[in-house]
Amino acid sequence: MNFGDKLKNYRELNKMTQAELAKKVGVSRTTITELENGTKKATLKAIEKIAKGTNTTTSEWIDSTQDMKIKQFDGLTLVIDALHEAG
C-alpha cells in the first residue's frame, strides 16, 4: 500500500473528511488531497505532522511508503551528523 492509499484508508476508517484530517494534522485540505492522490510526495515534515496529529508514529507511515526517495532523508542525516559533532 502506498502512502496516499494508507492516508486515505486511515481517514476513511476514522470517518473523517479531508478537511477534518487536514485540521487535525495542521496542513491544508489541498495537501491531504495531493498526498492521497499521489500528486504530492510526502516529506519527512509532513509525515511527522500526520503522525503527531493521528497519534501514530512516523515509522508507521514511513514503513509503508515505497516511493520515498532517499534524498528526503539526506537532510535528516545531515542534522544528526551536525548534532553529533556539536556533542
N, C-alpha and C. Protein backbone atom coordinates (compact mmCIF):
# COMPACT_ATOMS: atom_id res chain seq x y z
N MET A 1 0.85 -1.17 0.00
CA MET A 1 0.00 0.00 0.00
C MET A 1 0.90 1.24 0.00
N ASN A 2 0.64 2.16 -0.92
CA ASN A 2 1.46 3.37 -0.95
C ASN A 2 0.98 4.37 0.09
N PHE A 3 1.74 5.44 0.24
CA PHE A 3 1.45 6.42 1.29
C PHE A 3 0.05 7.02 1.13
N GLY A 4 -0.29 7.43 -0.09
CA GLY A 4 -1.60 8.04 -0.33
C GLY A 4 -2.75 7.12 0.01
N ASP A 5 -2.61 5.86 -0.38
CA ASP A 5 -3.66 4.88 -0.06
C ASP A 5 -3.78 4.67 1.45
N LYS A 6 -2.64 4.63 2.12
CA LYS A 6 -2.66 4.43 3.57
C LYS A 6 -3.31 5.63 4.26
N LEU A 7 -2.99 6.83 3.79
CA LEU A 7 -3.57 8.04 4.38
C LEU A 7 -5.08 8.06 4.18
N LYS A 8 -5.52 7.76 2.98
CA LYS A 8 -6.96 7.74 2.69
C LYS A 8 -7.65 6.65 3.51
N ASN A 9 -7.04 5.49 3.60
CA ASN A 9 -7.60 4.39 4.39
C ASN A 9 -7.75 4.80 5.85
N TYR A 10 -6.70 5.41 6.41
CA TYR A 10 -6.76 5.88 7.80
C TYR A 10 -7.92 6.86 7.97
N ARG A 11 -8.00 7.83 7.06
CA ARG A 11 -9.03 8.86 7.14
C ARG A 11 -10.43 8.25 7.07
N GLU A 12 -10.64 7.35 6.14
CA GLU A 12 -11.96 6.73 5.98
C GLU A 12 -12.32 5.83 7.16
N LEU A 13 -11.34 5.08 7.67
CA LEU A 13 -11.60 4.24 8.84
C LEU A 13 -12.01 5.06 10.06
N ASN A 14 -11.47 6.28 10.13
CA ASN A 14 -11.80 7.16 11.25
C ASN A 14 -12.93 8.13 10.93
N LYS A 15 -13.61 7.86 9.80
CA LYS A 15 -14.79 8.62 9.38
C LYS A 15 -14.54 10.13 9.38
N MET A 16 -13.42 10.51 8.76
CA MET A 16 -13.06 11.92 8.66
C MET A 16 -13.09 12.38 7.21
N THR A 17 -13.43 13.63 7.03
CA THR A 17 -13.29 14.24 5.71
C THR A 17 -11.84 14.67 5.55
N GLN A 18 -11.48 15.02 4.33
CA GLN A 18 -10.13 15.53 4.11
C GLN A 18 -9.91 16.80 4.92
N ALA A 19 -10.92 17.64 4.99
CA ALA A 19 -10.80 18.89 5.75
C ALA A 19 -10.59 18.62 7.24
N GLU A 20 -11.30 17.64 7.78
CA GLU A 20 -11.14 17.31 9.20
C GLU A 20 -9.75 16.77 9.49
N LEU A 21 -9.26 15.89 8.62
CA LEU A 21 -7.91 15.35 8.82
C LEU A 21 -6.87 16.46 8.68
N ALA A 22 -7.07 17.33 7.70
CA ALA A 22 -6.13 18.44 7.49
C ALA A 22 -6.04 19.32 8.74
N LYS A 23 -7.19 19.63 9.32
CA LYS A 23 -7.21 20.46 10.52
C LYS A 23 -6.52 19.74 11.67
N LYS A 24 -6.78 18.46 11.79
CA LYS A 24 -6.21 17.67 12.88
C LYS A 24 -4.69 17.61 12.81
N VAL A 25 -4.15 17.52 11.60
CA VAL A 25 -2.69 17.39 11.48
C VAL A 25 -1.99 18.71 11.18
N GLY A 26 -2.75 19.77 10.94
CA GLY A 26 -2.15 21.09 10.75
C GLY A 26 -1.62 21.35 9.35
N VAL A 27 -2.30 20.80 8.35
CA VAL A 27 -1.95 21.08 6.96
C VAL A 27 -3.22 21.48 6.22
N SER A 28 -3.08 21.93 4.98
CA SER A 28 -4.27 22.31 4.22
C SER A 28 -5.00 21.09 3.68
N ARG A 29 -6.28 21.27 3.37
CA ARG A 29 -7.05 20.20 2.77
C ARG A 29 -6.46 19.84 1.41
N THR A 30 -5.96 20.85 0.71
CA THR A 30 -5.32 20.60 -0.59
C THR A 30 -4.14 19.66 -0.44
N THR A 31 -3.36 19.84 0.62
CA THR A 31 -2.21 18.96 0.87
C THR A 31 -2.66 17.53 1.07
N ILE A 32 -3.72 17.33 1.84
CA ILE A 32 -4.25 15.97 2.06
C ILE A 32 -4.69 15.37 0.73
N THR A 33 -5.41 16.15 -0.07
CA THR A 33 -5.87 15.68 -1.38
C THR A 33 -4.69 15.25 -2.25
N GLU A 34 -3.67 16.10 -2.32
CA GLU A 34 -2.50 15.82 -3.15
C GLU A 34 -1.73 14.59 -2.65
N LEU A 35 -1.62 14.45 -1.34
CA LEU A 35 -0.94 13.28 -0.78
C LEU A 35 -1.71 12.00 -1.09
N GLU A 36 -3.03 12.06 -0.92
CA GLU A 36 -3.85 10.88 -1.20
C GLU A 36 -3.81 10.50 -2.68
N ASN A 37 -3.79 11.49 -3.55
CA ASN A 37 -3.79 11.23 -4.99
C ASN A 37 -2.41 10.91 -5.54
N GLY A 38 -1.39 11.13 -4.73
CA GLY A 38 -0.03 10.87 -5.18
C GLY A 38 0.55 11.97 -6.04
N THR A 39 -0.12 13.11 -6.12
CA THR A 39 0.42 14.23 -6.91
C THR A 39 1.43 15.03 -6.11
N LYS A 40 1.50 14.76 -4.82
CA LYS A 40 2.49 15.39 -3.96
C LYS A 40 3.16 14.30 -3.14
N LYS A 41 4.46 14.32 -3.09
CA LYS A 41 5.21 13.34 -2.30
C LYS A 41 5.22 13.79 -0.84
N ALA A 42 5.14 12.85 0.05
CA ALA A 42 5.17 13.15 1.47
C ALA A 42 6.60 13.46 1.89
N THR A 43 6.79 14.63 2.47
CA THR A 43 8.09 14.98 3.02
C THR A 43 8.16 14.44 4.44
N LEU A 44 9.36 14.40 4.97
CA LEU A 44 9.51 13.95 6.35
C LEU A 44 8.73 14.86 7.29
N LYS A 45 8.74 16.16 7.03
CA LYS A 45 8.00 17.11 7.87
C LYS A 45 6.49 16.81 7.83
N ALA A 46 5.97 16.54 6.64
CA ALA A 46 4.55 16.22 6.51
C ALA A 46 4.21 14.92 7.25
N ILE A 47 5.09 13.93 7.13
CA ILE A 47 4.88 12.66 7.82
C ILE A 47 4.89 12.86 9.33
N GLU A 48 5.79 13.71 9.81
CA GLU A 48 5.84 13.99 11.25
C GLU A 48 4.55 14.65 11.71
N LYS A 49 4.02 15.60 10.94
CA LYS A 49 2.76 16.27 11.30
C LYS A 49 1.61 15.27 11.30
N ILE A 50 1.57 14.42 10.30
CA ILE A 50 0.50 13.43 10.21
C ILE A 50 0.57 12.46 11.38
N ALA A 51 1.77 12.00 11.69
CA ALA A 51 1.94 11.07 12.81
C ALA A 51 1.50 11.72 14.12
N LYS A 52 1.93 12.94 14.35
CA LYS A 52 1.57 13.64 15.59
C LYS A 52 0.06 13.85 15.67
N GLY A 53 -0.53 14.31 14.58
CA GLY A 53 -1.96 14.60 14.56
C GLY A 53 -2.84 13.37 14.63
N THR A 54 -2.31 12.22 14.27
CA THR A 54 -3.10 10.99 14.27
C THR A 54 -2.70 10.05 15.41
N ASN A 55 -1.84 10.53 16.30
CA ASN A 55 -1.37 9.72 17.42
C ASN A 55 -0.76 8.40 16.96
N THR A 56 0.03 8.48 15.91
CA THR A 56 0.75 7.32 15.40
C THR A 56 2.24 7.67 15.40
N THR A 57 3.06 6.75 14.95
CA THR A 57 4.49 7.03 14.86
C THR A 57 4.88 7.27 13.41
N THR A 58 5.97 7.99 13.21
CA THR A 58 6.43 8.23 11.84
C THR A 58 6.77 6.92 11.16
N SER A 59 7.29 5.96 11.90
CA SER A 59 7.66 4.68 11.28
C SER A 59 6.45 3.95 10.72
N GLU A 60 5.29 4.14 11.32
CA GLU A 60 4.07 3.52 10.79
C GLU A 60 3.75 4.04 9.40
N TRP A 61 4.08 5.30 9.14
CA TRP A 61 3.82 5.91 7.84
C TRP A 61 4.97 5.67 6.87
N ILE A 62 6.18 5.74 7.36
CA ILE A 62 7.35 5.59 6.50
C ILE A 62 7.50 4.15 6.03
N ASP A 63 7.28 3.19 6.88
CA ASP A 63 7.44 1.79 6.51
C ASP A 63 6.58 1.40 5.32
N SER A 64 5.45 2.05 5.16
CA SER A 64 4.55 1.69 4.07
C SER A 64 4.78 2.55 2.83
N THR A 65 5.72 3.45 2.89
CA THR A 65 5.94 4.38 1.80
C THR A 65 7.03 3.86 0.88
N GLN A 66 6.66 3.12 -0.12
CA GLN A 66 7.62 2.52 -1.04
C GLN A 66 8.27 3.56 -1.94
N ASP A 67 7.59 4.66 -2.19
CA ASP A 67 8.11 5.64 -3.14
C ASP A 67 8.89 6.77 -2.48
N MET A 68 9.23 6.63 -1.20
CA MET A 68 10.05 7.64 -0.54
C MET A 68 11.41 7.67 -1.19
N LYS A 69 11.91 8.85 -1.45
CA LYS A 69 13.23 8.97 -2.04
C LYS A 69 14.26 9.12 -0.94
N ILE A 70 15.41 8.52 -1.15
CA ILE A 70 16.47 8.57 -0.15
C ILE A 70 16.88 10.01 0.13
N LYS A 71 16.82 10.87 -0.86
CA LYS A 71 17.25 12.25 -0.64
C LYS A 71 16.39 12.97 0.39
N GLN A 72 15.17 12.50 0.63
CA GLN A 72 14.33 13.11 1.64
C GLN A 72 14.92 12.90 3.03
N PHE A 73 15.71 11.86 3.17
CA PHE A 73 16.32 11.57 4.46
C PHE A 73 17.72 12.15 4.57
N ASP A 74 18.27 12.64 3.46
CA ASP A 74 19.60 13.22 3.50
C ASP A 74 19.67 14.40 4.46
N GLY A 75 18.65 15.23 4.44
CA GLY A 75 18.61 16.37 5.34
C GLY A 75 18.61 15.94 6.79
N LEU A 76 17.87 14.90 7.10
CA LEU A 76 17.83 14.38 8.46
C LEU A 76 19.20 13.85 8.86
N THR A 77 19.85 13.16 7.95
CA THR A 77 21.19 12.63 8.22
C THR A 77 22.17 13.76 8.51
N LEU A 78 22.07 14.84 7.74
CA LEU A 78 22.95 15.99 7.97
C LEU A 78 22.72 16.61 9.35
N VAL A 79 21.46 16.71 9.74
CA VAL A 79 21.14 17.26 11.06
C VAL A 79 21.68 16.36 12.17
N ILE A 80 21.51 15.08 12.03
CA ILE A 80 22.01 14.13 13.03
C ILE A 80 23.53 14.23 13.13
N ASP A 81 24.19 14.28 11.98
CA ASP A 81 25.65 14.40 11.99
C ASP A 81 26.10 15.69 12.66
N ALA A 82 25.41 16.79 12.37
CA ALA A 82 25.76 18.08 12.98
C ALA A 82 25.55 18.05 14.48
N LEU A 83 24.46 17.44 14.93
CA LEU A 83 24.20 17.34 16.37
C LEU A 83 25.25 16.46 17.04
N HIS A 84 25.63 15.41 16.38
CA HIS A 84 26.64 14.50 16.93
C HIS A 84 27.98 15.22 17.07
N GLU A 85 28.35 16.00 16.06
CA GLU A 85 29.61 16.74 16.10
C GLU A 85 29.58 17.84 17.17
N ALA A 86 28.41 18.43 17.38
CA ALA A 86 28.28 19.50 18.37
C ALA A 86 28.36 18.96 19.79
N GLY A 87 28.11 17.67 19.91
CA GLY A 87 28.23 16.98 21.18
C GLY A 87 27.17 17.34 22.12
